[in-house]
Amino acid sequence: MTESQPKPSRRGFVLGAATAGAAAAAVVALPQAQQAAVPAAQTKEPPARGGGYQLTDHVKQYYKTTRI
């Protein structure tokens, strides 16, 4: 047997797995970064004297999810 090649170590394996995980996370995050540049729908200006509660579709959907 030749001892010219070092034995693979756990530390090297963990380092390689961490690098691969970071690269995968970057690939997943890139398309979402481009979508974030799209402006959101304009919201209404809040009332001057308070009373800002509005029954929107989002609120209605939330209420549907809380029903038993």
C-alpha atoms as a PDB file:
ATOM      1  CA  MET A   1       0.000   0.000   0.000  1.00  0.00           C
ATOM      2  CA  THR A   2       1.210   3.455  -0.761  1.00  0.00           C
ATOM      3  CA  GLU A   3       0.762   6.159   1.810  1.00  0.00           C
ATOM      4  CA  SER A   4       0.977   9.008  -0.701  1.00  0.00           C
ATOM      5  CA  GLN A   5      -2.727   9.814  -0.461  1.00  0.00           C
ATOM      6  CA  PRO A   6      -4.118  10.930   2.904  1.00  0.00           C
ATOM      7  CA  LYS A   7      -7.123   9.170   4.382  1.00  0.00           C
ATOM      8  CA  PRO A   8     -10.407  10.999   3.936  1.00  0.00           C
ATOM      9  CA  SER A   9     -11.393  12.696   7.155  1.00  0.00           C
ATOM     10  CA  ARG A  10     -14.749  13.535   8.674  1.00  0.00           C
ATOM     11  CA  ARG A  11     -13.760  17.182   8.870  1.00  0.00           C
ATOM     12  CA  GLY A  12     -13.248  17.334   5.112  1.00  0.00           C
ATOM     13  CA  PHE A  13     -16.556  15.615   4.507  1.00  0.00           C
ATOM     14  CA  VAL A  14     -18.436  18.026   6.786  1.00  0.00           C
ATOM     15  CA  LEU A  15     -16.720  20.998   5.168  1.00  0.00           C
ATOM     16  CA  GLY A  16     -17.681  19.746   1.711  1.00  0.00           C
ATOM     17  CA  ALA A  17     -21.277  19.143   2.782  1.00  0.00           C
ATOM     18  CA  ALA A  18     -21.514  22.645   4.269  1.00  0.00           C
ATOM     19  CA  THR A  19     -20.137  24.174   1.082  1.00  0.00           C
ATOM     20  CA  ALA A  20     -22.612  22.231  -1.050  1.00  0.00           C
ATOM     21  CA  GLY A  21     -25.473  23.288   1.222  1.00  0.00           C
ATOM     22  CA  ALA A  22     -24.496  26.951   1.027  1.00  0.00           C
ATOM     23  CA  ALA A  23     -24.280  26.755  -2.752  1.00  0.00           C
ATOM     24  CA  ALA A  24     -27.714  25.132  -2.961  1.00  0.00           C
ATOM     25  CA  ALA A  25     -29.212  27.821  -0.717  1.00  0.00           C
ATOM     26  CA  ALA A  26     -27.710  30.541  -2.928  1.00  0.00           C
ATOM     27  CA  VAL A  27     -29.173  28.959  -6.062  1.00  0.00           C
ATOM     28  CA  VAL A  28     -32.617  28.787  -4.460  1.00  0.00           C
ATOM     29  CA  ALA A  29     -32.443  32.393  -3.213  1.00  0.00           C
ATOM     30  CA  LEU A  30     -31.385  33.972  -6.516  1.00  0.00           C
ATOM     31  CA  PRO A  31     -34.716  33.698  -8.394  1.00  0.00           C
ATOM     32  CA  GLN A  32     -36.560  35.120  -5.376  1.00  0.00           C
ATOM     33  CA  ALA A  33     -34.230  38.117  -5.254  1.00  0.00           C
ATOM     34  CA  GLN A  34     -35.249  39.011  -8.790  1.00  0.00           C
ATOM     35  CA  GLN A  35     -38.939  38.687  -7.944  1.00  0.00           C
ATOM     36  CA  ALA A  36     -38.543  41.049  -4.982  1.00  0.00           C
ATOM     37  CA  ALA A  37     -37.822  43.889  -7.416  1.00  0.00           C
ATOM     38  CA  VAL A  38     -41.427  43.743  -8.686  1.00  0.00           C
ATOM     39  CA  PRO A  39     -43.416  46.494  -6.913  1.00  0.00           C
ATOM     40  CA  ALA A  40     -46.185  45.343  -4.607  1.00  0.00           C
ATOM     41  CA  ALA A  41     -49.797  46.350  -5.121  1.00  0.00           C
ATOM     42  CA  GLN A  42     -50.466  49.846  -3.885  1.00  0.00           C
ATOM     43  CA  THR A  43     -52.213  50.006  -0.538  1.00  0.00           C
ATOM     44  CA  LYS A  44     -54.802  52.519   0.532  1.00  0.00           C
ATOM     45  CA  GLU A  45     -53.766  55.415   2.709  1.00  0.00           C
ATOM     46  CA  PRO A  46     -54.742  54.838   6.365  1.00  0.00           C
ATOM     47  CA  PRO A  47     -57.589  56.982   7.714  1.00  0.00           C
ATOM     48  CA  ALA A  48     -56.567  60.234   9.395  1.00  0.00           C
ATOM     49  CA  ARG A  49     -58.566  59.568  12.604  1.00  0.00           C
ATOM     50  CA  GLY A  50     -57.776  55.910  13.090  1.00  0.00           C
ATOM     51  CA  GLY A  51     -60.281  53.120  12.479  1.00  0.00           C
ATOM     52  CA  GLY A  52     -57.959  51.428  10.014  1.00  0.00           C
ATOM     53  CA  TYR A  53     -59.537  47.946  10.270  1.00  0.00           C
ATOM     54  CA  GLN A  54     -60.783  46.696   6.916  1.00  0.00           C
ATOM     55  CA  LEU A  55     -62.301  43.348   6.094  1.00  0.00           C
ATOM     56  CA  THR A  56     -60.114  42.406   3.143  1.00  0.00           C
ATOM     57  CA  ASP A  57     -59.814  39.123   1.263  1.00  0.00           C
ATOM     58  CA  HIS A  58     -56.662  38.367   3.243  1.00  0.00           C
ATOM     59  CA  VAL A  59     -58.504  38.808   6.549  1.00  0.00           C
ATOM     60  CA  LYS A  60     -61.436  36.699   5.326  1.00  0.00           C
ATOM     61  CA  GLN A  61     -59.021  33.916   4.352  1.00  0.00           C
ATOM     62  CA  TYR A  62     -57.479  34.031   7.812  1.00  0.00           C
ATOM     63  CA  TYR A  63     -60.885  33.761   9.456  1.00  0.00           C
ATOM     64  CA  LYS A  64     -61.666  30.716   7.287  1.00  0.00           C
ATOM     65  CA  THR A  65     -58.498  28.987   8.495  1.00  0.00           C
ATOM     66  CA  THR A  66     -59.420  29.531  12.172  1.00  0.00           C
ATOM     67  CA  ARG A  67     -62.844  27.891  11.972  1.00  0.00           C
ATOM     68  CA  ILE A  68     -63.238  24.549  13.653  1.00  0.00           C
END
